[in-house]
């Protein structure tokens, strides 16, 4: 791997996430796979957080804002992995059994209206917000034990798909990140 401990930690977290995802694929029923998928989110997100910590600590040749911009460009759905981790850790936990949890914020236009709609189907909730003024800011986050969706996604994304995409994009981004690491003092 690499002698840089930060980079070694990132690789280790990605390895753990891959292991959890592989374990989820090996079980026969989804109820057994679900906890493994959620478990994969934590090291997957931790790898990205280690990158951000490197920027905060001045270990990169770019600042945190530039790193975040590059991450968003290279790993556009990283926000969903972060949202899953936050919801699971800080807000009730993401629960199995077909439960769907939705939160949303809508700034109502004067004399306008807004509608939120969805089907009670944890596999395909078809969630959406319709606002009389489409420029009015709004956010929503839907999680079930199978999918996640926010206001930027037209359809809900299965955790399997999101995690595979995220891990592949993280691996593709690593050389770019590594190129931004400052060389240790005295290194040639």
N, C-alpha and C. Protein backbone atom coordinates (compact mmCIF):
# COMPACT_ATOMS: atom_id res chain seq x y z
N UNK A 1 0.84 -1.19 0.00
CA UNK A 1 0.00 0.00 0.00
C UNK A 1 0.89 1.25 0.00
N UNK A 2 0.73 2.06 1.02
CA UNK A 2 1.45 3.31 1.08
C UNK A 2 2.06 3.48 2.46
N UNK A 3 3.14 4.24 2.53
CA UNK A 3 3.73 4.51 3.83
C UNK A 3 2.98 5.61 4.56
N UNK A 4 2.18 6.37 3.86
CA UNK A 4 1.44 7.45 4.50
C UNK A 4 0.34 6.84 5.37
N UNK A 5 0.36 7.12 6.68
CA UNK A 5 -0.65 6.51 7.56
C UNK A 5 -2.08 6.96 7.24
N UNK A 6 -2.26 8.16 6.77
CA UNK A 6 -3.60 8.64 6.41
C UNK A 6 -4.14 7.80 5.24
N UNK A 7 -3.31 7.63 4.23
CA UNK A 7 -3.72 6.86 3.07
C UNK A 7 -3.95 5.39 3.43
N UNK A 8 -3.11 4.86 4.29
CA UNK A 8 -3.28 3.47 4.75
C UNK A 8 -4.61 3.32 5.49
N UNK A 9 -4.99 4.31 6.28
CA UNK A 9 -6.27 4.27 6.99
C UNK A 9 -7.45 4.32 6.04
N UNK A 10 -7.33 5.11 4.99
CA UNK A 10 -8.39 5.20 3.99
C UNK A 10 -8.56 3.85 3.29
N UNK A 11 -7.44 3.26 2.89
CA UNK A 11 -7.52 1.93 2.25
C UNK A 11 -8.14 0.90 3.19
N UNK A 12 -7.79 0.97 4.45
CA UNK A 12 -8.33 0.01 5.42
C UNK A 12 -9.85 0.17 5.56
N UNK A 13 -10.32 1.39 5.64
CA UNK A 13 -11.77 1.60 5.76
C UNK A 13 -12.50 1.13 4.50
N UNK A 14 -11.92 1.38 3.35
CA UNK A 14 -12.55 0.91 2.11
C UNK A 14 -12.56 -0.62 2.06
N UNK A 15 -11.51 -1.24 2.54
CA UNK A 15 -11.46 -2.71 2.60
C UNK A 15 -12.57 -3.24 3.50
N UNK A 16 -12.76 -2.62 4.66
CA UNK A 16 -13.82 -3.04 5.58
C UNK A 16 -15.21 -2.89 4.94
N UNK A 17 -15.42 -1.76 4.27
CA UNK A 17 -16.71 -1.54 3.61
C UNK A 17 -16.96 -2.60 2.54
N UNK A 18 -15.92 -2.92 1.78
CA UNK A 18 -16.04 -3.97 0.75
C UNK A 18 -16.40 -5.31 1.39
N UNK A 19 -15.79 -5.62 2.53
CA UNK A 19 -16.08 -6.88 3.22
C UNK A 19 -17.53 -6.94 3.67
N UNK A 20 -18.02 -5.86 4.26
CA UNK A 20 -19.43 -5.83 4.68
C UNK A 20 -20.37 -5.99 3.49
N UNK A 21 -20.05 -5.31 2.40
CA UNK A 21 -20.89 -5.40 1.21
C UNK A 21 -20.86 -6.82 0.64
N UNK A 22 -19.69 -7.43 0.61
CA UNK A 22 -19.58 -8.81 0.12
C UNK A 22 -20.37 -9.76 1.02
N UNK A 23 -20.30 -9.56 2.32
CA UNK A 23 -21.07 -10.40 3.25
C UNK A 23 -22.56 -10.24 3.01
N UNK A 24 -23.00 -9.03 2.73
CA UNK A 24 -24.42 -8.79 2.46
C UNK A 24 -24.86 -9.55 1.21
N UNK A 25 -24.00 -9.60 0.22
CA UNK A 25 -24.34 -10.31 -1.02
C UNK A 25 -24.38 -11.83 -0.83
N UNK A 26 -23.71 -12.33 0.19
CA UNK A 26 -23.62 -13.78 0.38
C UNK A 26 -24.80 -14.37 1.14
N UNK A 27 -25.56 -13.56 1.84
CA UNK A 27 -26.69 -14.12 2.60
C UNK A 27 -27.89 -14.31 1.69
N UNK A 28 -28.76 -15.23 2.08
CA UNK A 28 -29.88 -15.60 1.21
C UNK A 28 -31.08 -14.67 1.33
N UNK A 29 -31.30 -14.10 2.50
CA UNK A 29 -32.49 -13.26 2.65
C UNK A 29 -32.09 -11.82 2.98
N UNK A 30 -32.93 -10.91 2.53
CA UNK A 30 -32.61 -9.49 2.68
C UNK A 30 -32.59 -9.06 4.15
N UNK A 31 -33.43 -9.64 4.98
CA UNK A 31 -33.43 -9.26 6.39
C UNK A 31 -32.07 -9.50 7.04
N UNK A 32 -31.35 -10.50 6.58
CA UNK A 32 -30.00 -10.75 7.08
C UNK A 32 -28.97 -9.85 6.40
N UNK A 33 -29.24 -9.47 5.16
CA UNK A 33 -28.30 -8.61 4.42
C UNK A 33 -28.37 -7.16 4.90
N UNK A 34 -29.55 -6.71 5.28
CA UNK A 34 -29.75 -5.31 5.65
C UNK A 34 -28.75 -4.79 6.69
N UNK A 35 -28.56 -5.47 7.83
CA UNK A 35 -27.59 -4.94 8.80
C UNK A 35 -26.17 -4.86 8.25
N UNK A 36 -25.82 -5.76 7.36
CA UNK A 36 -24.49 -5.75 6.76
C UNK A 36 -24.33 -4.56 5.80
N UNK A 37 -25.41 -4.24 5.10
CA UNK A 37 -25.37 -3.07 4.22
C UNK A 37 -25.20 -1.79 5.02
N UNK A 38 -25.96 -1.67 6.09
CA UNK A 38 -25.83 -0.48 6.94
C UNK A 38 -24.44 -0.45 7.58
N UNK A 39 -23.94 -1.61 7.98
CA UNK A 39 -22.59 -1.66 8.55
C UNK A 39 -21.54 -1.21 7.54
N UNK A 40 -21.76 -1.46 6.26
CA UNK A 40 -20.80 -1.03 5.22
C UNK A 40 -20.75 0.48 5.09
N UNK A 41 -21.83 1.15 5.44
CA UNK A 41 -21.88 2.61 5.31
C UNK A 41 -20.84 3.28 6.21
N UNK A 42 -20.64 2.76 7.40
CA UNK A 42 -19.77 3.42 8.37
C UNK A 42 -18.31 3.49 7.90
N UNK A 43 -17.67 2.39 7.54
CA UNK A 43 -16.29 2.53 7.05
C UNK A 43 -16.22 3.22 5.69
N UNK A 44 -17.27 3.07 4.88
CA UNK A 44 -17.27 3.77 3.58
C UNK A 44 -17.21 5.27 3.80
N UNK A 45 -18.02 5.77 4.70
CA UNK A 45 -18.02 7.20 4.99
C UNK A 45 -16.76 7.61 5.75
N UNK A 46 -16.27 6.73 6.62
CA UNK A 46 -15.06 7.04 7.39
C UNK A 46 -13.87 7.30 6.47
N UNK A 47 -13.78 6.56 5.38
CA UNK A 47 -12.68 6.78 4.43
C UNK A 47 -12.71 8.21 3.90
N UNK A 48 -13.90 8.67 3.56
CA UNK A 48 -14.03 10.04 3.06
C UNK A 48 -13.74 11.06 4.16
N UNK A 49 -14.17 10.76 5.37
CA UNK A 49 -13.90 11.67 6.49
C UNK A 49 -12.40 11.78 6.77
N UNK A 50 -11.67 10.68 6.59
CA UNK A 50 -10.21 10.75 6.75
C UNK A 50 -9.60 11.68 5.71
N UNK A 51 -10.13 11.67 4.52
CA UNK A 51 -9.66 12.61 3.49
C UNK A 51 -9.92 14.05 3.92
N UNK A 52 -11.11 14.30 4.43
CA UNK A 52 -11.47 15.65 4.86
C UNK A 52 -10.62 16.09 6.05
N UNK A 53 -10.34 15.16 6.95
CA UNK A 53 -9.48 15.48 8.10
C UNK A 53 -8.07 15.84 7.64
N UNK A 54 -7.59 15.19 6.60
CA UNK A 54 -6.28 15.52 6.06
C UNK A 54 -6.25 16.97 5.58
N UNK A 55 -7.32 17.39 4.92
CA UNK A 55 -7.39 18.78 4.44
C UNK A 55 -7.44 19.74 5.62
N UNK A 56 -8.24 19.41 6.63
CA UNK A 56 -8.34 20.28 7.81
C UNK A 56 -7.00 20.40 8.54
N UNK A 57 -6.23 19.32 8.52
CA UNK A 57 -4.95 19.30 9.23
C UNK A 57 -3.81 19.89 8.40
N UNK A 58 -4.11 20.35 7.19
CA UNK A 58 -3.08 20.94 6.35
C UNK A 58 -2.16 19.92 5.70
N UNK A 59 -2.60 18.69 5.61
CA UNK A 59 -1.78 17.62 5.02
C UNK A 59 -1.89 17.57 3.50
N UNK A 60 -2.75 18.41 2.93
CA UNK A 60 -2.94 18.41 1.48
C UNK A 60 -2.44 19.72 0.87
N UNK A 61 -2.21 19.68 -0.41
CA UNK A 61 -1.81 20.89 -1.13
C UNK A 61 -3.02 21.73 -1.52
N UNK A 62 -4.22 21.25 -1.20
CA UNK A 62 -5.46 21.99 -1.45
C UNK A 62 -6.19 22.16 -0.13
N UNK A 63 -7.10 23.12 -0.08
CA UNK A 63 -7.86 23.33 1.16
C UNK A 63 -9.12 22.46 1.17
N UNK A 64 -9.83 22.51 2.29
CA UNK A 64 -11.02 21.68 2.47
C UNK A 64 -12.10 22.01 1.43
N UNK A 65 -12.29 23.27 1.14
CA UNK A 65 -13.30 23.66 0.15
C UNK A 65 -13.02 23.05 -1.21
N UNK A 66 -11.77 23.08 -1.62
CA UNK A 66 -11.40 22.50 -2.92
C UNK A 66 -11.53 20.98 -2.89
N UNK A 67 -11.14 20.36 -1.77
CA UNK A 67 -11.30 18.91 -1.65
C UNK A 67 -12.78 18.54 -1.74
N UNK A 68 -13.62 19.25 -1.01
CA UNK A 68 -15.06 18.97 -1.06
C UNK A 68 -15.62 19.12 -2.47
N UNK A 69 -15.15 20.14 -3.19
CA UNK A 69 -15.60 20.34 -4.57
C UNK A 69 -15.20 19.15 -5.43
N UNK A 70 -13.97 18.70 -5.28
CA UNK A 70 -13.49 17.55 -6.06
C UNK A 70 -14.22 16.27 -5.68
N UNK A 71 -14.48 16.10 -4.40
CA UNK A 71 -15.23 14.92 -3.95
C UNK A 71 -16.63 14.92 -4.55
N UNK A 72 -17.29 16.06 -4.49
CA UNK A 72 -18.65 16.15 -5.03
C UNK A 72 -18.67 15.86 -6.53
N UNK A 73 -17.64 16.29 -7.22
CA UNK A 73 -17.55 16.02 -8.65
C UNK A 73 -17.26 14.54 -8.93
N UNK A 74 -16.36 13.95 -8.16
CA UNK A 74 -15.95 12.57 -8.40
C UNK A 74 -16.90 11.54 -7.80
N UNK A 75 -17.56 11.91 -6.71
CA UNK A 75 -18.43 10.98 -5.98
C UNK A 75 -19.74 11.72 -5.68
N UNK A 76 -20.54 11.97 -6.70
CA UNK A 76 -21.70 12.86 -6.52
C UNK A 76 -22.73 12.41 -5.49
N UNK A 77 -22.85 11.12 -5.28
CA UNK A 77 -23.85 10.67 -4.30
C UNK A 77 -23.26 10.44 -2.91
N UNK A 78 -22.08 10.98 -2.66
CA UNK A 78 -21.50 10.84 -1.33
C UNK A 78 -22.41 11.45 -0.27
N UNK A 79 -23.21 12.43 -0.68
CA UNK A 79 -24.14 13.07 0.27
C UNK A 79 -25.15 12.06 0.80
N UNK A 80 -25.52 11.07 -0.02
CA UNK A 80 -26.48 10.06 0.43
C UNK A 80 -25.85 9.11 1.44
N UNK A 81 -24.61 8.75 1.22
CA UNK A 81 -23.91 7.89 2.19
C UNK A 81 -23.79 8.64 3.51
N UNK A 82 -23.45 9.92 3.44
CA UNK A 82 -23.37 10.73 4.66
C UNK A 82 -24.75 10.82 5.34
N UNK A 83 -25.78 11.03 4.57
CA UNK A 83 -27.14 11.14 5.13
C UNK A 83 -27.57 9.84 5.80
N UNK A 84 -27.25 8.72 5.19
CA UNK A 84 -27.59 7.42 5.80
C UNK A 84 -26.87 7.28 7.13
N UNK A 85 -25.58 7.59 7.15
CA UNK A 85 -24.81 7.44 8.39
C UNK A 85 -25.36 8.36 9.48
N UNK A 86 -25.66 9.59 9.14
CA UNK A 86 -26.19 10.52 10.13
C UNK A 86 -27.55 10.06 10.63
N UNK A 87 -28.43 9.68 9.72
CA UNK A 87 -29.76 9.24 10.14
C UNK A 87 -29.66 7.98 11.00
N UNK A 88 -28.80 7.06 10.62
CA UNK A 88 -28.69 5.81 11.38
C UNK A 88 -28.07 6.05 12.75
N UNK A 89 -27.10 6.92 12.83
CA UNK A 89 -26.37 7.13 14.08
C UNK A 89 -27.04 8.14 15.00
N UNK A 90 -27.62 9.19 14.43
CA UNK A 90 -28.14 10.30 15.23
C UNK A 90 -29.66 10.41 15.30
N UNK A 91 -30.37 9.77 14.39
CA UNK A 91 -31.82 9.98 14.31
C UNK A 91 -32.57 8.65 14.21
N UNK A 92 -32.83 8.02 15.28
CA UNK A 92 -33.68 6.83 15.37
C UNK A 92 -33.09 5.56 14.79
N UNK A 93 -32.07 5.63 14.00
CA UNK A 93 -31.54 4.45 13.33
C UNK A 93 -32.39 4.11 12.11
N UNK A 94 -31.75 3.56 11.11
CA UNK A 94 -32.50 3.07 9.95
C UNK A 94 -32.92 1.66 10.31
N UNK A 95 -34.20 1.42 10.28
CA UNK A 95 -34.75 0.18 10.81
C UNK A 95 -35.27 -0.72 9.69
N UNK A 96 -35.18 -2.00 9.92
CA UNK A 96 -35.69 -2.99 8.97
C UNK A 96 -37.20 -3.14 9.09
N UNK A 97 -37.71 -4.18 8.48
CA UNK A 97 -39.13 -4.47 8.59
C UNK A 97 -40.02 -3.63 7.70
N UNK A 98 -39.47 -3.05 6.64
CA UNK A 98 -40.28 -2.28 5.72
C UNK A 98 -40.60 -0.86 6.16
N UNK A 99 -39.95 -0.40 7.22
CA UNK A 99 -40.21 0.97 7.69
C UNK A 99 -39.64 2.00 6.72
N UNK A 100 -40.38 3.06 6.52
CA UNK A 100 -39.95 4.18 5.69
C UNK A 100 -39.94 5.41 6.59
N UNK A 101 -38.85 6.16 6.54
CA UNK A 101 -38.75 7.38 7.33
C UNK A 101 -38.45 8.53 6.38
N UNK A 102 -39.28 9.56 6.43
CA UNK A 102 -39.13 10.71 5.54
C UNK A 102 -39.08 11.98 6.37
N UNK A 103 -38.14 12.84 6.03
CA UNK A 103 -38.11 14.19 6.59
C UNK A 103 -38.03 15.16 5.42
N UNK A 104 -38.66 16.30 5.58
CA UNK A 104 -38.55 17.30 4.52
C UNK A 104 -38.71 18.70 5.08
N UNK A 105 -38.15 19.66 4.35
CA UNK A 105 -38.28 21.08 4.64
C UNK A 105 -38.68 21.76 3.35
N UNK A 106 -39.69 22.60 3.45
CA UNK A 106 -40.17 23.32 2.27
C UNK A 106 -40.37 24.78 2.66
N UNK A 107 -39.81 25.67 1.87
CA UNK A 107 -40.11 27.08 2.05
C UNK A 107 -41.28 27.39 1.12
N UNK A 108 -42.40 27.66 1.75
CA UNK A 108 -43.62 27.89 0.98
C UNK A 108 -43.60 29.27 0.33
N UNK A 109 -43.91 29.30 -0.95
CA UNK A 109 -44.04 30.60 -1.60
C UNK A 109 -45.31 31.30 -1.10
N UNK A 110 -45.32 32.63 -1.09
CA UNK A 110 -46.53 33.34 -0.66
C UNK A 110 -47.73 32.91 -1.52
N UNK A 111 -48.79 32.56 -0.86
CA UNK A 111 -50.02 32.12 -1.51
C UNK A 111 -49.82 30.90 -2.42
N UNK A 112 -48.74 30.19 -2.20
CA UNK A 112 -48.45 29.01 -3.02
C UNK A 112 -48.89 27.74 -2.32
N UNK A 113 -48.50 26.64 -2.89
CA UNK A 113 -48.81 25.35 -2.28
C UNK A 113 -47.68 24.36 -2.55
N UNK A 114 -47.65 23.34 -1.74
CA UNK A 114 -46.67 22.27 -1.91
C UNK A 114 -47.35 20.95 -1.62
N UNK A 115 -46.89 19.92 -2.31
CA UNK A 115 -47.43 18.58 -2.10
C UNK A 115 -46.28 17.59 -1.99
N UNK A 116 -46.39 16.72 -1.02
CA UNK A 116 -45.45 15.60 -0.91
C UNK A 116 -46.25 14.34 -1.17
N UNK A 117 -45.71 13.48 -2.01
CA UNK A 117 -46.42 12.23 -2.29
C UNK A 117 -45.44 11.07 -2.30
N UNK A 118 -45.96 9.90 -1.95
CA UNK A 118 -45.17 8.67 -2.02
C UNK A 118 -46.10 7.48 -1.85
N UNK A 119 -45.61 6.34 -2.26
CA UNK A 119 -46.34 5.08 -2.05
C UNK A 119 -45.75 4.37 -0.84
N UNK A 120 -46.56 3.65 -0.10
CA UNK A 120 -46.05 2.94 1.08
C UNK A 120 -45.33 1.65 0.69
N UNK A 121 -44.38 1.77 -0.21
CA UNK A 121 -43.64 0.62 -0.72
C UNK A 121 -42.16 0.86 -0.44
N UNK A 122 -41.56 0.15 0.51
CA UNK A 122 -40.16 0.40 0.85
C UNK A 122 -39.18 0.08 -0.28
N UNK A 123 -39.63 -0.65 -1.30
CA UNK A 123 -38.76 -0.97 -2.44
C UNK A 123 -38.81 0.12 -3.51
N UNK A 124 -39.96 0.75 -3.67
CA UNK A 124 -40.14 1.75 -4.71
C UNK A 124 -41.17 2.79 -4.25
N UNK A 125 -40.76 3.67 -3.34
CA UNK A 125 -41.73 4.62 -2.77
C UNK A 125 -42.17 5.73 -3.72
N UNK A 126 -41.42 5.98 -4.77
CA UNK A 126 -41.75 7.02 -5.74
C UNK A 126 -42.06 8.35 -5.05
N UNK A 127 -41.19 8.74 -4.14
CA UNK A 127 -41.39 9.97 -3.38
C UNK A 127 -41.11 11.20 -4.24
N UNK A 128 -41.84 12.25 -3.97
CA UNK A 128 -41.61 13.50 -4.68
C UNK A 128 -42.28 14.67 -4.01
N UNK A 129 -41.74 15.84 -4.26
CA UNK A 129 -42.31 17.08 -3.76
C UNK A 129 -42.65 17.95 -4.96
N UNK A 130 -43.83 18.50 -4.95
CA UNK A 130 -44.27 19.41 -5.99
C UNK A 130 -44.58 20.75 -5.32
N UNK A 131 -43.96 21.81 -5.82
CA UNK A 131 -44.14 23.14 -5.24
C UNK A 131 -44.61 24.08 -6.33
N UNK A 132 -45.56 24.94 -6.00
CA UNK A 132 -46.10 25.86 -7.01
C UNK A 132 -45.02 26.77 -7.59
N UNK A 133 -44.00 27.09 -6.81
CA UNK A 133 -42.86 27.86 -7.30
C UNK A 133 -41.64 26.94 -7.27
N UNK A 134 -41.25 26.37 -8.41
CA UNK A 134 -40.16 25.39 -8.42
C UNK A 134 -38.82 25.96 -7.96
N UNK A 135 -38.68 27.29 -7.91
CA UNK A 135 -37.43 27.87 -7.43
C UNK A 135 -37.38 27.95 -5.91
N UNK A 136 -38.49 27.66 -5.26
CA UNK A 136 -38.55 27.70 -3.80
C UNK A 136 -37.69 26.56 -3.23
N UNK A 137 -36.82 26.87 -2.27
CA UNK A 137 -35.93 25.83 -1.75
C UNK A 137 -36.69 24.75 -0.97
N UNK A 138 -36.23 23.53 -1.16
CA UNK A 138 -36.81 22.41 -0.42
C UNK A 138 -35.79 21.28 -0.33
N UNK A 139 -35.97 20.47 0.69
CA UNK A 139 -35.12 19.30 0.90
C UNK A 139 -36.00 18.17 1.38
N UNK A 140 -35.61 16.96 1.03
CA UNK A 140 -36.22 15.82 1.68
C UNK A 140 -35.25 14.65 1.68
N UNK A 141 -35.45 13.79 2.64
CA UNK A 141 -34.64 12.58 2.73
C UNK A 141 -35.57 11.44 3.11
N UNK A 142 -35.54 10.41 2.29
CA UNK A 142 -36.32 9.20 2.53
C UNK A 142 -35.35 8.05 2.70
N UNK A 143 -35.55 7.28 3.76
CA UNK A 143 -34.82 6.03 3.93
C UNK A 143 -35.82 4.94 4.27
N UNK A 144 -35.59 3.79 3.70
CA UNK A 144 -36.31 2.59 4.12
C UNK A 144 -35.23 1.58 4.44
N UNK A 145 -35.60 0.35 4.63
CA UNK A 145 -34.56 -0.65 4.86
C UNK A 145 -33.97 -1.16 3.55
N UNK A 146 -34.39 -0.56 2.43
CA UNK A 146 -33.91 -1.00 1.12
C UNK A 146 -33.32 0.14 0.29
N UNK A 147 -33.91 1.33 0.39
CA UNK A 147 -33.54 2.44 -0.50
C UNK A 147 -33.32 3.74 0.26
N UNK A 148 -32.71 4.68 -0.46
CA UNK A 148 -32.53 6.05 0.02
C UNK A 148 -32.83 6.98 -1.15
N UNK A 149 -33.37 8.15 -0.83
CA UNK A 149 -33.65 9.15 -1.86
C UNK A 149 -33.64 10.52 -1.21
N UNK A 150 -33.13 11.50 -1.94
CA UNK A 150 -33.25 12.89 -1.50
C UNK A 150 -33.81 13.71 -2.65
N UNK A 151 -33.88 15.02 -2.45
CA UNK A 151 -34.51 15.89 -3.45
C UNK A 151 -33.74 15.94 -4.77
N UNK A 152 -32.49 15.53 -4.77
CA UNK A 152 -31.70 15.57 -6.00
C UNK A 152 -31.85 14.30 -6.85
N UNK A 153 -32.44 13.29 -6.28
CA UNK A 153 -32.58 12.01 -6.99
C UNK A 153 -34.02 11.83 -7.46
N UNK A 154 -34.22 11.55 -8.74
CA UNK A 154 -35.58 11.36 -9.24
C UNK A 154 -36.23 10.05 -8.77
N UNK A 155 -35.40 9.06 -8.45
CA UNK A 155 -35.92 7.78 -7.95
C UNK A 155 -35.07 7.33 -6.77
N UNK A 156 -35.66 6.48 -5.95
CA UNK A 156 -34.95 5.93 -4.80
C UNK A 156 -33.87 4.96 -5.27
N UNK A 157 -32.77 4.93 -4.54
CA UNK A 157 -31.61 4.12 -4.91
C UNK A 157 -31.43 3.01 -3.88
N UNK A 158 -31.38 1.76 -4.32
CA UNK A 158 -31.11 0.67 -3.37
C UNK A 158 -29.73 0.81 -2.74
N UNK A 159 -29.63 0.45 -1.48
CA UNK A 159 -28.35 0.54 -0.78
C UNK A 159 -27.25 -0.24 -1.51
N UNK A 160 -27.59 -1.41 -2.05
CA UNK A 160 -26.59 -2.21 -2.79
C UNK A 160 -25.95 -1.37 -3.89
N UNK A 161 -26.82 -0.73 -4.66
CA UNK A 161 -26.37 0.04 -5.82
C UNK A 161 -25.55 1.25 -5.36
N UNK A 162 -26.07 1.96 -4.38
CA UNK A 162 -25.38 3.15 -3.88
C UNK A 162 -23.99 2.80 -3.35
N UNK A 163 -23.90 1.78 -2.53
CA UNK A 163 -22.61 1.42 -1.94
C UNK A 163 -21.61 0.95 -3.00
N UNK A 164 -22.06 0.15 -3.95
CA UNK A 164 -21.15 -0.31 -5.01
C UNK A 164 -20.62 0.88 -5.81
N UNK A 165 -21.52 1.78 -6.18
CA UNK A 165 -21.13 2.97 -6.93
C UNK A 165 -20.16 3.83 -6.11
N UNK A 166 -20.48 4.06 -4.86
CA UNK A 166 -19.66 4.89 -3.98
C UNK A 166 -18.26 4.30 -3.82
N UNK A 167 -18.18 3.02 -3.54
CA UNK A 167 -16.87 2.39 -3.33
C UNK A 167 -16.04 2.41 -4.62
N UNK A 168 -16.66 2.17 -5.75
CA UNK A 168 -15.94 2.24 -7.02
C UNK A 168 -15.44 3.66 -7.28
N UNK A 169 -16.27 4.64 -7.01
CA UNK A 169 -15.86 6.03 -7.24
C UNK A 169 -14.79 6.47 -6.24
N UNK A 170 -14.87 5.99 -5.01
CA UNK A 170 -13.82 6.31 -4.03
C UNK A 170 -12.48 5.75 -4.49
N UNK A 171 -12.48 4.52 -4.96
CA UNK A 171 -11.23 3.91 -5.43
C UNK A 171 -10.67 4.68 -6.63
N UNK A 172 -11.54 5.11 -7.51
CA UNK A 172 -11.10 5.88 -8.67
C UNK A 172 -10.56 7.26 -8.25
N UNK A 173 -11.09 7.80 -7.16
CA UNK A 173 -10.68 9.12 -6.68
C UNK A 173 -9.37 9.08 -5.88
N UNK A 174 -9.03 7.94 -5.33
CA UNK A 174 -7.85 7.84 -4.46
C UNK A 174 -6.55 8.34 -5.10
N UNK A 175 -6.23 8.02 -6.34
CA UNK A 175 -4.99 8.55 -6.91
C UNK A 175 -4.96 10.08 -6.94
N UNK A 176 -6.10 10.68 -7.24
CA UNK A 176 -6.19 12.14 -7.25
C UNK A 176 -5.97 12.70 -5.84
N UNK A 177 -6.58 12.04 -4.85
CA UNK A 177 -6.39 12.45 -3.46
C UNK A 177 -4.92 12.29 -3.06
N UNK A 178 -4.35 11.13 -3.36
CA UNK A 178 -2.96 10.85 -2.97
C UNK A 178 -2.00 11.87 -3.58
N UNK A 179 -2.31 12.33 -4.78
CA UNK A 179 -1.45 13.32 -5.44
C UNK A 179 -1.47 14.66 -4.70
N UNK A 180 -2.50 14.89 -3.90
CA UNK A 180 -2.61 16.15 -3.15
C UNK A 180 -1.95 16.08 -1.77
N UNK A 181 -1.53 14.89 -1.36
CA UNK A 181 -0.88 14.76 -0.05
C UNK A 181 0.48 15.45 -0.08
N UNK A 182 0.74 16.22 0.95
CA UNK A 182 2.07 16.84 1.07
C UNK A 182 3.07 15.76 1.44
N UNK A 183 4.26 15.90 0.93
CA UNK A 183 5.31 14.96 1.30
C UNK A 183 5.78 15.29 2.71
N UNK A 184 6.06 14.26 3.52
CA UNK A 184 6.55 14.53 4.87
C UNK A 184 7.87 15.31 4.82
N UNK A 185 8.11 16.09 5.84
CA UNK A 185 9.37 16.86 5.89
C UNK A 185 10.55 15.90 5.78
N UNK A 186 11.49 16.28 4.98
CA UNK A 186 12.69 15.47 4.81
C UNK A 186 12.55 14.38 3.76
N UNK A 187 11.34 14.17 3.25
CA UNK A 187 11.14 13.13 2.21
C UNK A 187 11.57 13.68 0.86
N UNK A 188 12.06 12.80 0.04
CA UNK A 188 12.51 13.22 -1.29
C UNK A 188 11.53 12.81 -2.33
